[in-house]
């Protein structure tokens, strides 16, 4: 019985952890939810992200969504993008994002 309790406690603690860290480049990328926000932007690519959404039981949906967005922000930063927009719902810890460049760098 103690073993089961221990395993359940460990799983609960692991499910609360944030696994994805935003990089310096990803930190400069914003997340938008509306196509109106990217009307004047140039689409430069997409990102298909995936995280663990279940550790013996479903992880918190908001944490999963934030980690997926953080992964997409990191990818957008590597590609020179500054904005991401989700293009799919979250299914089994997966989500797709379009990557845009909305702000032109100043020379």
PDB file of N, CA and C in Angstrom:
ATOM      1  N   UNK A   1       0.817  -1.186   0.000  1.00  0.00           N
ATOM      2  CA  UNK A   1       0.000   0.000   0.000  1.00  0.00           C
ATOM      3  C   UNK A   1       0.869   1.261   0.000  1.00  0.00           C
ATOM      4  N   UNK A   2       1.961   1.244   0.765  1.00  0.00           N
ATOM      5  CA  UNK A   2       2.858   2.393   0.811  1.00  0.00           C
ATOM      6  C   UNK A   2       3.514   2.626  -0.546  1.00  0.00           C
ATOM      7  N   UNK A   3       3.806   1.535  -1.240  1.00  0.00           N
ATOM      8  CA  UNK A   3       4.443   1.639  -2.551  1.00  0.00           C
ATOM      9  C   UNK A   3       3.511   2.338  -3.543  1.00  0.00           C
ATOM     10  N   UNK A   4       2.252   1.979  -3.526  1.00  0.00           N
ATOM     11  CA  UNK A   4       1.274   2.593  -4.425  1.00  0.00           C
ATOM     12  C   UNK A   4       1.124   4.072  -4.098  1.00  0.00           C
ATOM     13  N   UNK A   5       1.069   4.395  -2.808  1.00  0.00           N
ATOM     14  CA  UNK A   5       0.958   5.789  -2.378  1.00  0.00           C
ATOM     15  C   UNK A   5       2.181   6.581  -2.834  1.00  0.00           C
ATOM     16  N   UNK A   6       3.363   6.006  -2.700  1.00  0.00           N
ATOM     17  CA  UNK A   6       4.600   6.655  -3.110  1.00  0.00           C
ATOM     18  C   UNK A   6       4.601   6.922  -4.614  1.00  0.00           C
ATOM     19  N   UNK A   7       4.211   5.942  -5.391  1.00  0.00           N
ATOM     20  CA  UNK A   7       4.160   6.089  -6.848  1.00  0.00           C
ATOM     21  C   UNK A   7       3.146   7.166  -7.236  1.00  0.00           C
ATOM     22  N   UNK A   8       1.997   7.179  -6.579  1.00  0.00           N
ATOM     23  CA  UNK A   8       0.982   8.185  -6.873  1.00  0.00           C
ATOM     24  C   UNK A   8       1.496   9.587  -6.541  1.00  0.00           C
ATOM     25  N   UNK A   9       2.188   9.726  -5.420  1.00  0.00           N
ATOM     26  CA  UNK A   9       2.740  11.036  -5.035  1.00  0.00           C
ATOM     27  C   UNK A   9       3.809  11.498  -6.026  1.00  0.00           C
ATOM     28  N   UNK A  10       4.677  10.600  -6.433  1.00  0.00           N
ATOM     29  CA  UNK A  10       5.714  10.951  -7.408  1.00  0.00           C
ATOM     30  C   UNK A  10       5.093  11.377  -8.732  1.00  0.00           C
ATOM     31  N   UNK A  11       4.072  10.672  -9.166  1.00  0.00           N
ATOM     32  CA  UNK A  11       3.400  11.011 -10.425  1.00  0.00           C
ATOM     33  C   UNK A  11       2.747  12.378 -10.340  1.00  0.00           C
ATOM     34  N   UNK A  12       2.153  12.666  -9.195  1.00  0.00           N
ATOM     35  CA  UNK A  12       1.526  13.962  -9.010  1.00  0.00           C
ATOM     36  C   UNK A  12       2.556  15.077  -9.069  1.00  0.00           C
ATOM     37  N   UNK A  13       3.687  14.874  -8.427  1.00  0.00           N
ATOM     38  CA  UNK A  13       4.750  15.879  -8.454  1.00  0.00           C
ATOM     39  C   UNK A  13       5.308  16.066  -9.856  1.00  0.00           C
ATOM     40  N   UNK A  14       5.520  14.966 -10.571  1.00  0.00           N
ATOM     41  CA  UNK A  14       6.047  15.059 -11.935  1.00  0.00           C
ATOM     42  C   UNK A  14       5.079  15.770 -12.863  1.00  0.00           C
ATOM     43  N   UNK A  15       3.789  15.549 -12.664  1.00  0.00           N
ATOM     44  CA  UNK A  15       2.805  16.177 -13.547  1.00  0.00           C
ATOM     45  C   UNK A  15       2.743  17.682 -13.340  1.00  0.00           C
ATOM     46  N   UNK A  16       3.202  18.159 -12.200  1.00  0.00           N
ATOM     47  CA  UNK A  16       3.193  19.599 -11.924  1.00  0.00           C
ATOM     48  C   UNK A  16       4.427  20.305 -12.468  1.00  0.00           C
ATOM     49  N   UNK A  17       5.428  19.551 -12.880  1.00  0.00           N
ATOM     50  CA  UNK A  17       6.680  20.140 -13.355  1.00  0.00           C
ATOM     51  C   UNK A  17       6.518  20.765 -14.736  1.00  0.00           C
ATOM     52  N   UNK A  18       7.282  21.808 -14.970  1.00  0.00           N
ATOM     53  CA  UNK A  18       7.367  22.412 -16.295  1.00  0.00           C
ATOM     54  C   UNK A  18       8.661  21.924 -16.919  1.00  0.00           C
ATOM     55  N   UNK A  19       8.572  21.297 -18.058  1.00  0.00           N
ATOM     56  CA  UNK A  19       9.726  20.669 -18.684  1.00  0.00           C
ATOM     57  C   UNK A  19      10.384  21.552 -19.728  1.00  0.00           C
ATOM     58  N   UNK A  20       9.664  22.506 -20.279  1.00  0.00           N
ATOM     59  CA  UNK A  20      10.160  23.296 -21.395  1.00  0.00           C
ATOM     60  C   UNK A  20      10.604  24.670 -20.903  1.00  0.00           C
ATOM     61  N   UNK A  21      11.811  25.046 -21.282  1.00  0.00           N
ATOM     62  CA  UNK A  21      12.332  26.374 -20.954  1.00  0.00           C
ATOM     63  C   UNK A  21      12.403  27.199 -22.230  1.00  0.00           C
ATOM     64  N   UNK A  22      12.023  28.458 -22.146  1.00  0.00           N
ATOM     65  CA  UNK A  22      12.074  29.354 -23.298  1.00  0.00           C
ATOM     66  C   UNK A  22      13.498  29.862 -23.461  1.00  0.00           C
ATOM     67  N   UNK A  23      13.992  29.808 -24.695  1.00  0.00           N
ATOM     68  CA  UNK A  23      15.333  30.293 -24.998  1.00  0.00           C
ATOM     69  C   UNK A  23      15.321  31.818 -25.100  1.00  0.00           C
ATOM     70  N   UNK A  24      16.501  32.401 -25.198  1.00  0.00           N
ATOM     71  CA  UNK A  24      16.602  33.856 -25.340  1.00  0.00           C
ATOM     72  C   UNK A  24      15.892  34.327 -26.610  1.00  0.00           C
ATOM     73  N   UNK A  25      16.083  33.601 -27.709  1.00  0.00           N
ATOM     74  CA  UNK A  25      15.408  33.977 -28.960  1.00  0.00           C
ATOM     75  C   UNK A  25      13.901  33.759 -28.858  1.00  0.00           C
ATOM     76  N   UNK A  26      13.499  32.682 -28.219  1.00  0.00           N
ATOM     77  CA  UNK A  26      12.078  32.394 -28.057  1.00  0.00           C
ATOM     78  C   UNK A  26      11.371  33.395 -27.171  1.00  0.00           C
ATOM     79  N   UNK A  27      12.120  34.011 -26.268  1.00  0.00           N
ATOM     80  CA  UNK A  27      11.543  34.985 -25.349  1.00  0.00           C
ATOM     81  C   UNK A  27      11.020  36.218 -26.079  1.00  0.00           C
ATOM     82  N   UNK A  28      11.563  36.490 -27.257  1.00  0.00           N
ATOM     83  CA  UNK A  28      11.151  37.656 -28.034  1.00  0.00           C
ATOM     84  C   UNK A  28       9.953  37.369 -28.946  1.00  0.00           C
ATOM     85  N   UNK A  29       9.433  36.151 -28.907  1.00  0.00           N
ATOM     86  CA  UNK A  29       8.333  35.754 -29.793  1.00  0.00           C
ATOM     87  C   UNK A  29       7.011  35.846 -29.030  1.00  0.00           C
ATOM     88  N   UNK A  30       6.025  36.459 -29.671  1.00  0.00           N
ATOM     89  CA  UNK A  30       4.716  36.577 -29.029  1.00  0.00           C
ATOM     90  C   UNK A  30       3.748  35.539 -29.581  1.00  0.00           C
ATOM     91  N   UNK A  31       2.786  35.180 -28.766  1.00  0.00           N
ATOM     92  CA  UNK A  31       1.733  34.236 -29.135  1.00  0.00           C
ATOM     93  C   UNK A  31       0.460  35.022 -29.371  1.00  0.00           C
ATOM     94  N   UNK A  32      -0.152  34.832 -30.538  1.00  0.00           N
ATOM     95  CA  UNK A  32      -1.437  35.472 -30.841  1.00  0.00           C
ATOM     96  C   UNK A  32      -2.457  34.384 -31.143  1.00  0.00           C
ATOM     97  N   UNK A  33      -3.718  34.728 -30.997  1.00  0.00           N
ATOM     98  CA  UNK A  33      -4.787  33.744 -31.200  1.00  0.00           C
ATOM     99  C   UNK A  33      -5.663  34.050 -32.417  1.00  0.00           C
ATOM    100  N   UNK A  34      -5.486  35.215 -33.017  1.00  0.00           N
ATOM    101  CA  UNK A  34      -6.380  35.661 -34.070  1.00  0.00           C
ATOM    102  C   UNK A  34      -5.639  35.907 -35.382  1.00  0.00           C
ATOM    103  N   UNK A  35      -6.264  35.524 -36.487  1.00  0.00           N
ATOM    104  CA  UNK A  35      -5.673  35.790 -37.799  1.00  0.00           C
ATOM    105  C   UNK A  35      -5.587  37.290 -38.067  1.00  0.00           C
ATOM    106  N   UNK A  36      -6.445  38.058 -37.429  1.00  0.00           N
ATOM    107  CA  UNK A  36      -6.412  39.517 -37.592  1.00  0.00           C
ATOM    108  C   UNK A  36      -5.074  40.079 -37.101  1.00  0.00           C
ATOM    109  N   UNK A  37      -4.496  39.451 -36.090  1.00  0.00           N
ATOM    110  CA  UNK A  37      -3.232  39.924 -35.526  1.00  0.00           C
ATOM    111  C   UNK A  37      -2.046  39.694 -36.464  1.00  0.00           C
ATOM    112  N   UNK A  38      -2.212  38.833 -37.466  1.00  0.00           N
ATOM    113  CA  UNK A  38      -1.105  38.524 -38.372  1.00  0.00           C
ATOM    114  C   UNK A  38      -1.410  38.905 -39.820  1.00  0.00           C
ATOM    115  N   UNK A  39      -2.419  39.741 -40.035  1.00  0.00           N
ATOM    116  CA  UNK A  39      -2.804  40.143 -41.398  1.00  0.00           C
ATOM    117  C   UNK A  39      -1.669  40.792 -42.171  1.00  0.00           C
ATOM    118  N   UNK A  40      -0.877  41.625 -41.509  1.00  0.00           N
ATOM    119  CA  UNK A  40       0.191  42.346 -42.210  1.00  0.00           C
ATOM    120  C   UNK A  40       1.552  41.676 -42.019  1.00  0.00           C
ATOM    121  N   UNK A  41       1.543  40.432 -41.566  1.00  0.00           N
ATOM    122  CA  UNK A  41       2.789  39.709 -41.298  1.00  0.00           C
ATOM    123  C   UNK A  41       3.130  38.762 -42.446  1.00  0.00           C
ATOM    124  N   UNK A  42       4.382  38.349 -42.471  1.00  0.00           N
ATOM    125  CA  UNK A  42       4.831  37.383 -43.472  1.00  0.00           C
ATOM    126  C   UNK A  42       4.985  36.026 -42.795  1.00  0.00           C
ATOM    127  N   UNK A  43       4.275  35.026 -43.331  1.00  0.00           N
ATOM    128  CA  UNK A  43       4.408  33.676 -42.794  1.00  0.00           C
ATOM    129  C   UNK A  43       5.748  33.111 -43.262  1.00  0.00           C
ATOM    130  N   UNK A  44       6.546  32.622 -42.298  1.00  0.00           N
ATOM    131  CA  UNK A  44       7.868  32.106 -42.669  1.00  0.00           C
ATOM    132  C   UNK A  44       8.031  30.617 -42.369  1.00  0.00           C
ATOM    133  N   UNK A  45       7.021  29.992 -41.800  1.00  0.00           N
ATOM    134  CA  UNK A  45       7.127  28.562 -41.536  1.00  0.00           C
ATOM    135  C   UNK A  45       6.076  28.082 -40.565  1.00  0.00           C
ATOM    136  N   UNK A  46       6.289  26.860 -40.083  1.00  0.00           N
ATOM    137  CA  UNK A  46       5.381  26.324 -39.073  1.00  0.00           C
ATOM    138  C   UNK A  46       6.164  25.444 -38.104  1.00  0.00           C
ATOM    139  N   UNK A  47       5.532  25.165 -36.992  1.00  0.00           N
ATOM    140  CA  UNK A  47       6.141  24.321 -35.967  1.00  0.00           C
ATOM    141  C   UNK A  47       5.103  23.309 -35.512  1.00  0.00           C
ATOM    142  N   UNK A  48       5.500  22.065 -35.478  1.00  0.00           N
ATOM    143  CA  UNK A  48       4.660  20.998 -34.940  1.00  0.00           C
ATOM    144  C   UNK A  48       5.282  20.576 -33.617  1.00  0.00           C
ATOM    145  N   UNK A  49       4.584  20.839 -32.530  1.00  0.00           N
ATOM    146  CA  UNK A  49       5.148  20.620 -31.205  1.00  0.00           C
ATOM    147  C   UNK A  49       4.481  19.440 -30.514  1.00  0.00           C
ATOM    148  N   UNK A  50       5.224  18.849 -29.569  1.00  0.00           N
ATOM    149  CA  UNK A  50       4.710  17.699 -28.834  1.00  0.00           C
ATOM    150  C   UNK A  50       5.344  17.677 -27.452  1.00  0.00           C
ATOM    151  N   UNK A  51       4.515  17.437 -26.444  1.00  0.00           N
ATOM    152  CA  UNK A  51       4.986  17.241 -25.079  1.00  0.00           C
ATOM    153  C   UNK A  51       4.240  16.061 -24.477  1.00  0.00           C
ATOM    154  N   UNK A  52       4.731  15.587 -23.357  1.00  0.00           N
ATOM    155  CA  UNK A  52       4.052  14.513 -22.638  1.00  0.00           C
ATOM    156  C   UNK A  52       2.800  15.102 -21.997  1.00  0.00           C
ATOM    157  N   UNK A  53       1.657  14.549 -22.318  1.00  0.00           N
ATOM    158  CA  UNK A  53       0.405  15.074 -21.776  1.00  0.00           C
ATOM    159  C   UNK A  53      -0.192  14.163 -20.715  1.00  0.00           C
ATOM    160  N   UNK A  54       0.481  13.030 -20.506  1.00  0.00           N
ATOM    161  CA  UNK A  54      -0.049  12.058 -19.549  1.00  0.00           C
ATOM    162  C   UNK A  54       1.100  11.374 -18.831  1.00  0.00           C
ATOM    163  N   UNK A  55       1.075  11.439 -17.484  1.00  0.00           N
ATOM    164  CA  UNK A  55       2.021  10.705 -16.636  1.00  0.00           C
ATOM    165  C   UNK A  55       1.156   9.943 -15.645  1.00  0.00           C
ATOM    166  N   UNK A  56       0.782   8.742 -16.009  1.00  0.00           N
ATOM    167  CA  UNK A  56      -0.189   7.915 -15.279  1.00  0.00           C
ATOM    168  C   UNK A  56      -1.595   8.497 -15.313  1.00  0.00           C
ATOM    169  N   UNK A  57      -1.717   9.788 -15.430  1.00  0.00           N
ATOM    170  CA  UNK A  57      -3.004  10.455 -15.600  1.00  0.00           C
ATOM    171  C   UNK A  57      -2.748  11.740 -16.372  1.00  0.00           C
ATOM    172  N   UNK A  58      -3.817  12.373 -16.831  1.00  0.00           N
ATOM    173  CA  UNK A  58      -3.660  13.573 -17.660  1.00  0.00           C
ATOM    174  C   UNK A  58      -3.010  14.708 -16.875  1.00  0.00           C
ATOM    175  N   UNK A  59      -2.040  15.369 -17.521  1.00  0.00           N
ATOM    176  CA  UNK A  59      -1.413  16.553 -16.929  1.00  0.00           C
ATOM    177  C   UNK A  59      -2.350  17.740 -17.065  1.00  0.00           C
ATOM    178  N   UNK A  60      -2.091  18.769 -16.306  1.00  0.00           N
ATOM    179  CA  UNK A  60      -2.880  19.988 -16.343  1.00  0.00           C
ATOM    180  C   UNK A  60      -2.891  20.551 -17.774  1.00  0.00           C
ATOM    181  N   UNK A  61      -4.084  20.781 -18.299  1.00  0.00           N
ATOM    182  CA  UNK A  61      -4.229  21.219 -19.695  1.00  0.00           C
ATOM    183  C   UNK A  61      -3.541  22.555 -19.952  1.00  0.00           C
ATOM    184  N   UNK A  62      -3.584  23.463 -18.996  1.00  0.00           N
ATOM    185  CA  UNK A  62      -2.952  24.762 -19.180  1.00  0.00           C
ATOM    186  C   UNK A  62      -1.429  24.635 -19.240  1.00  0.00           C
ATOM    187  N   UNK A  63      -0.855  23.776 -18.411  1.00  0.00           N
ATOM    188  CA  UNK A  63       0.596  23.564 -18.441  1.00  0.00           C
ATOM    189  C   UNK A  63       1.020  22.965 -19.776  1.00  0.00           C
ATOM    190  N   UNK A  64       0.240  22.004 -20.259  1.00  0.00           N
ATOM    191  CA  UNK A  64       0.541  21.387 -21.551  1.00  0.00           C
ATOM    192  C   UNK A  64       0.475  22.443 -22.657  1.00  0.00           C
ATOM    193  N   UNK A  65      -0.561  23.262 -22.650  1.00  0.00           N
ATOM    194  CA  UNK A  65      -0.709  24.315 -23.670  1.00  0.00           C
ATOM    195  C   UNK A  65       0.455  25.304 -23.612  1.00  0.00           C
ATOM    196  N   UNK A  66       0.850  25.692 -22.403  1.00  0.00           N
ATOM    197  CA  UNK A  66       1.971  26.626 -22.262  1.00  0.00           C
ATOM    198  C   UNK A  66       3.279  26.022 -22.754  1.00  0.00           C
ATOM    199  N   UNK A  67       3.511  24.757 -22.469  1.00  0.00           N
ATOM    200  CA  UNK A  67       4.745  24.109 -22.926  1.00  0.00           C
ATOM    201  C   UNK A  67       4.774  23.980 -24.444  1.00  0.00           C
ATOM    202  N   UNK A  68       3.635  23.664 -25.040  1.00  0.00           N
ATOM    203  CA  UNK A  68       3.569  23.578 -26.504  1.00  0.00           C
ATOM    204  C   UNK A  68       3.867  24.941 -27.128  1.00  0.00           C
ATOM    205  N   UNK A  69       3.303  25.994 -26.562  1.00  0.00           N
ATOM    206  CA  UNK A  69       3.561  27.339 -27.064  1.00  0.00           C
ATOM    207  C   UNK A  69       5.024  27.721 -26.868  1.00  0.00           C
ATOM    208  N   UNK A  70       5.605  27.345 -25.728  1.00  0.00           N
ATOM    209  CA  UNK A  70       7.021  27.654 -25.485  1.00  0.00           C
ATOM    210  C   UNK A  70       7.927  26.962 -26.497  1.00  0.00           C
ATOM    211  N   UNK A  71       7.623  25.714 -26.822  1.00  0.00           N
ATOM    212  CA  UNK A  71       8.401  25.011 -27.856  1.00  0.00           C
ATOM    213  C   UNK A  71       8.281  25.719 -29.202  1.00  0.00           C
ATOM    214  N   UNK A  72       7.073  26.149 -29.548  1.00  0.00           N
ATOM    215  CA  UNK A  72       6.857  26.850 -30.818  1.00  0.00           C
ATOM    216  C   UNK A  72       7.565  28.200 -30.809  1.00  0.00           C
ATOM    217  N   UNK A  73       7.563  28.890 -29.677  1.00  0.00           N
ATOM    218  CA  UNK A  73       8.278  30.173 -29.573  1.00  0.00           C
ATOM    219  C   UNK A  73       9.773  29.961 -29.785  1.00  0.00           C
ATOM    220  N   UNK A  74      10.323  28.913 -29.207  1.00  0.00           N
ATOM    221  CA  UNK A  74      11.743  28.609 -29.400  1.00  0.00           C
ATOM    222  C   UNK A  74      12.055  28.343 -30.874  1.00  0.00           C
ATOM    223  N   UNK A  75      11.202  27.567 -31.514  1.00  0.00           N
ATOM    224  CA  UNK A  75      11.398  27.258 -32.936  1.00  0.00           C
ATOM    225  C   UNK A  75      11.280  28.518 -33.785  1.00  0.00           C
ATOM    226  N   UNK A  76      10.295  29.351 -33.476  1.00  0.00           N
ATOM    227  CA  UNK A  76      10.120  30.597 -34.226  1.00  0.00           C
ATOM    228  C   UNK A  76      11.345  31.489 -34.079  1.00  0.00           C
ATOM    229  N   UNK A  77      11.893  31.558 -32.894  1.00  0.00           N
ATOM    230  CA  UNK A  77      13.098  32.355 -32.668  1.00  0.00           C
ATOM    231  C   UNK A  77      14.261  31.876 -33.515  1.00  0.00           C
ATOM    232  N   UNK A  78      14.399  30.569 -33.651  1.00  0.00           N
ATOM    233  CA  UNK A  78      15.473  30.011 -34.482  1.00  0.00           C
ATOM    234  C   UNK A  78      15.284  30.348 -35.959  1.00  0.00           C
ATOM    235  N   UNK A  79      14.024  30.440 -36.388  1.00  0.00           N
ATOM    236  CA  UNK A  79      13.727  30.727 -37.796  1.00  0.00           C
ATOM    237  C   UNK A  79      13.676  32.219 -38.106  1.00  0.00           C
ATOM    238  N   UNK A  80      13.838  33.056 -37.095  1.00  0.00           N
ATOM    239  CA  UNK A  80      13.781  34.495 -37.318  1.00  0.00           C
ATOM    240  C   UNK A  80      12.383  35.066 -37.221  1.00  0.00           C
ATOM    241  N   UNK A  81      11.460  34.301 -36.687  1.00  0.00           N
ATOM    242  CA  UNK A  81      10.095  34.790 -36.512  1.00  0.00           C
ATOM    243  C   UNK A  81       9.938  35.547 -35.212  1.00  0.00           C
ATOM    244  N   UNK A  82       8.855  36.308 -35.130  1.00  0.00           N
ATOM    245  CA  UNK A  82       8.584  37.048 -33.904  1.00  0.00           C
ATOM    246  C   UNK A  82       7.168  36.837 -33.383  1.00  0.00           C
ATOM    247  N   UNK A  83       6.381  36.038 -34.119  1.00  0.00           N
ATOM    248  CA  UNK A  83       4.989  35.803 -33.737  1.00  0.00           C
ATOM    249  C   UNK A  83       4.601  34.375 -34.106  1.00  0.00           C
ATOM    250  N   UNK A  84       3.839  33.733 -33.223  1.00  0.00           N
ATOM    251  CA  UNK A  84       3.277  32.417 -33.529  1.00  0.00           C
ATOM    252  C   UNK A  84       1.774  32.452 -33.311  1.00  0.00           C
ATOM    253  N   UNK A  85       1.085  31.600 -34.063  1.00  0.00           N
ATOM    254  CA  UNK A  85      -0.360  31.463 -33.913  1.00  0.00           C
ATOM    255  C   UNK A  85      -0.725  29.987 -34.026  1.00  0.00           C
ATOM    256  N   UNK A  86      -1.476  29.450 -33.056  1.00  0.00           N
ATOM    257  CA  UNK A  86      -1.866  28.047 -33.148  1.00  0.00           C
ATOM    258  C   UNK A  86      -2.769  27.808 -34.353  1.00  0.00           C
ATOM    259  N   UNK A  87      -2.562  26.669 -35.007  1.00  0.00           N
ATOM    260  CA  UNK A  87      -3.393  26.321 -36.162  1.00  0.00           C
ATOM    261  C   UNK A  87      -4.170  25.037 -35.932  1.00  0.00           C
ATOM    262  N   UNK A  88      -4.042  24.467 -34.736  1.00  0.00           N
ATOM    263  CA  UNK A  88      -4.779  23.249 -34.414  1.00  0.00           C
ATOM    264  C   UNK A  88      -5.123  23.247 -32.930  1.00  0.00           C
ATOM    265  N   UNK A  89      -5.994  22.358 -32.583  1.00  0.00           N
ATOM    266  CA  UNK A  89      -6.310  22.124 -31.177  1.00  0.00           C
ATOM    267  C   UNK A  89      -5.236  21.201 -30.602  1.00  0.00           C
ATOM    268  N   UNK A  90      -5.193  21.078 -29.308  1.00  0.00           N
ATOM    269  CA  UNK A  90      -4.254  20.164 -28.653  1.00  0.00           C
ATOM    270  C   UNK A  90      -4.867  18.767 -28.643  1.00  0.00           C
ATOM    271  N   UNK A  91      -4.145  17.820 -29.234  1.00  0.00           N
ATOM    272  CA  UNK A  91      -4.589  16.429 -29.278  1.00  0.00           C
ATOM    273  C   UNK A  91      -3.408  15.548 -28.892  1.00  0.00           C
ATOM    274  N   UNK A  92      -3.560  14.789 -27.827  1.00  0.00           N
ATOM    275  CA  UNK A  92      -2.506  13.880 -27.356  1.00  0.00           C
ATOM    276  C   UNK A  92      -1.168  14.585 -27.167  1.00  0.00           C
ATOM    277  N   UNK A  93      -1.199  15.802 -26.639  1.00  0.00           N
ATOM    278  CA  UNK A  93       0.030  16.537 -26.375  1.00  0.00           C
ATOM    279  C   UNK A  93       0.695  17.118 -27.605  1.00  0.00           C
ATOM    280  N   UNK A  94      -0.045  17.244 -28.696  1.00  0.00           N
ATOM    281  CA  UNK A  94       0.491  17.789 -29.948  1.00  0.00           C
ATOM    282  C   UNK A  94      -0.311  19.019 -30.366  1.00  0.00           C
ATOM    283  N   UNK A  95       0.413  19.969 -30.972  1.00  0.00           N
ATOM    284  CA  UNK A  95      -0.244  21.158 -31.514  1.00  0.00           C
ATOM    285  C   UNK A  95       0.634  21.764 -32.597  1.00  0.00           C
ATOM    286  N   UNK A  96       0.001  22.337 -33.612  1.00  0.00           N
ATOM    287  CA  UNK A  96       0.718  22.994 -34.703  1.00  0.00           C
ATOM    288  C   UNK A  96       0.556  24.502 -34.600  1.00  0.00           C
ATOM    289  N   UNK A  97       1.592  25.216 -35.048  1.00  0.00           N
ATOM    290  CA  UNK A  97       1.606  26.680 -35.021  1.00  0.00           C
ATOM    291  C   UNK A  97       2.160  27.186 -36.336  1.00  0.00           C
ATOM    292  N   UNK A  98       1.642  28.312 -36.811  1.00  0.00           N
ATOM    293  CA  UNK A  98       2.263  29.038 -37.916  1.00  0.00           C
ATOM    294  C   UNK A  98       3.234  30.040 -37.305  1.00  0.00           C
ATOM    295  N   UNK A  99       4.335  30.272 -38.011  1.00  0.00           N
ATOM    296  CA  UNK A  99       5.359  31.212 -37.560  1.00  0.00           C
ATOM    297  C   UNK A  99       5.373  32.396 -38.518  1.00  0.00           C
ATOM    298  N   UNK A 100       5.364  33.604 -37.944  1.00  0.00           N
ATOM    299  CA  UNK A 100       5.309  34.828 -38.737  1.00  0.00           C
ATOM    300  C   UNK A 100       6.435  35.786 -38.354  1.00  0.00           C
ATOM    301  N   UNK A 101       6.783  36.634 -39.317  1.00  0.00           N
ATOM    302  CA  UNK A 101       7.638  37.787 -39.036  1.00  0.00           C
ATOM    303  C   UNK A 101       6.757  39.015 -39.249  1.00  0.00           C
ATOM    304  N   UNK A 102       6.453  39.684 -38.164  1.00  0.00           N
ATOM    305  CA  UNK A 102       5.548  40.841 -38.216  1.00  0.00           C
ATOM    306  C   UNK A 102       6.286  42.168 -38.092  1.00  0.00           C
ATOM    307  N   UNK A 103       7.403  42.164 -37.418  1.00  0.00           N
ATOM    308  CA  UNK A 103       8.138  43.398 -37.172  1.00  0.00           C
ATOM    309  C   UNK A 103       9.457  43.318 -37.920  1.00  0.00           C
ATOM    310  N   UNK A 104       9.713  44.295 -38.737  1.00  0.00           N
ATOM    311  CA  UNK A 104      10.961  44.323 -39.505  1.00  0.00           C
ATOM    312  C   UNK A 104      12.082  44.863 -38.630  1.00  0.00           C
ATOM    313  N   UNK A 105      13.218  44.192 -38.627  1.00  0.00           N
ATOM    314  CA  UNK A 105      14.343  44.690 -37.822  1.00  0.00           C
ATOM    315  C   UNK A 105      14.828  46.029 -38.349  1.00  0.00           C
ATOM    316  N   UNK A 106      15.253  46.871 -37.441  1.00  0.00           N
ATOM    317  CA  UNK A 106      15.788  48.177 -37.838  1.00  0.00           C
ATOM    318  C   UNK A 106      17.282  48.046 -38.096  1.00  0.00           C
ATOM    319  N   UNK A 107      17.737  48.714 -39.147  1.00  0.00           N
ATOM    320  CA  UNK A 107      19.173  48.671 -39.486  1.00  0.00           C
ATOM    321  C   UNK A 107      19.921  49.840 -38.887  1.00  0.00           C
TER     322      UNK A 107
END
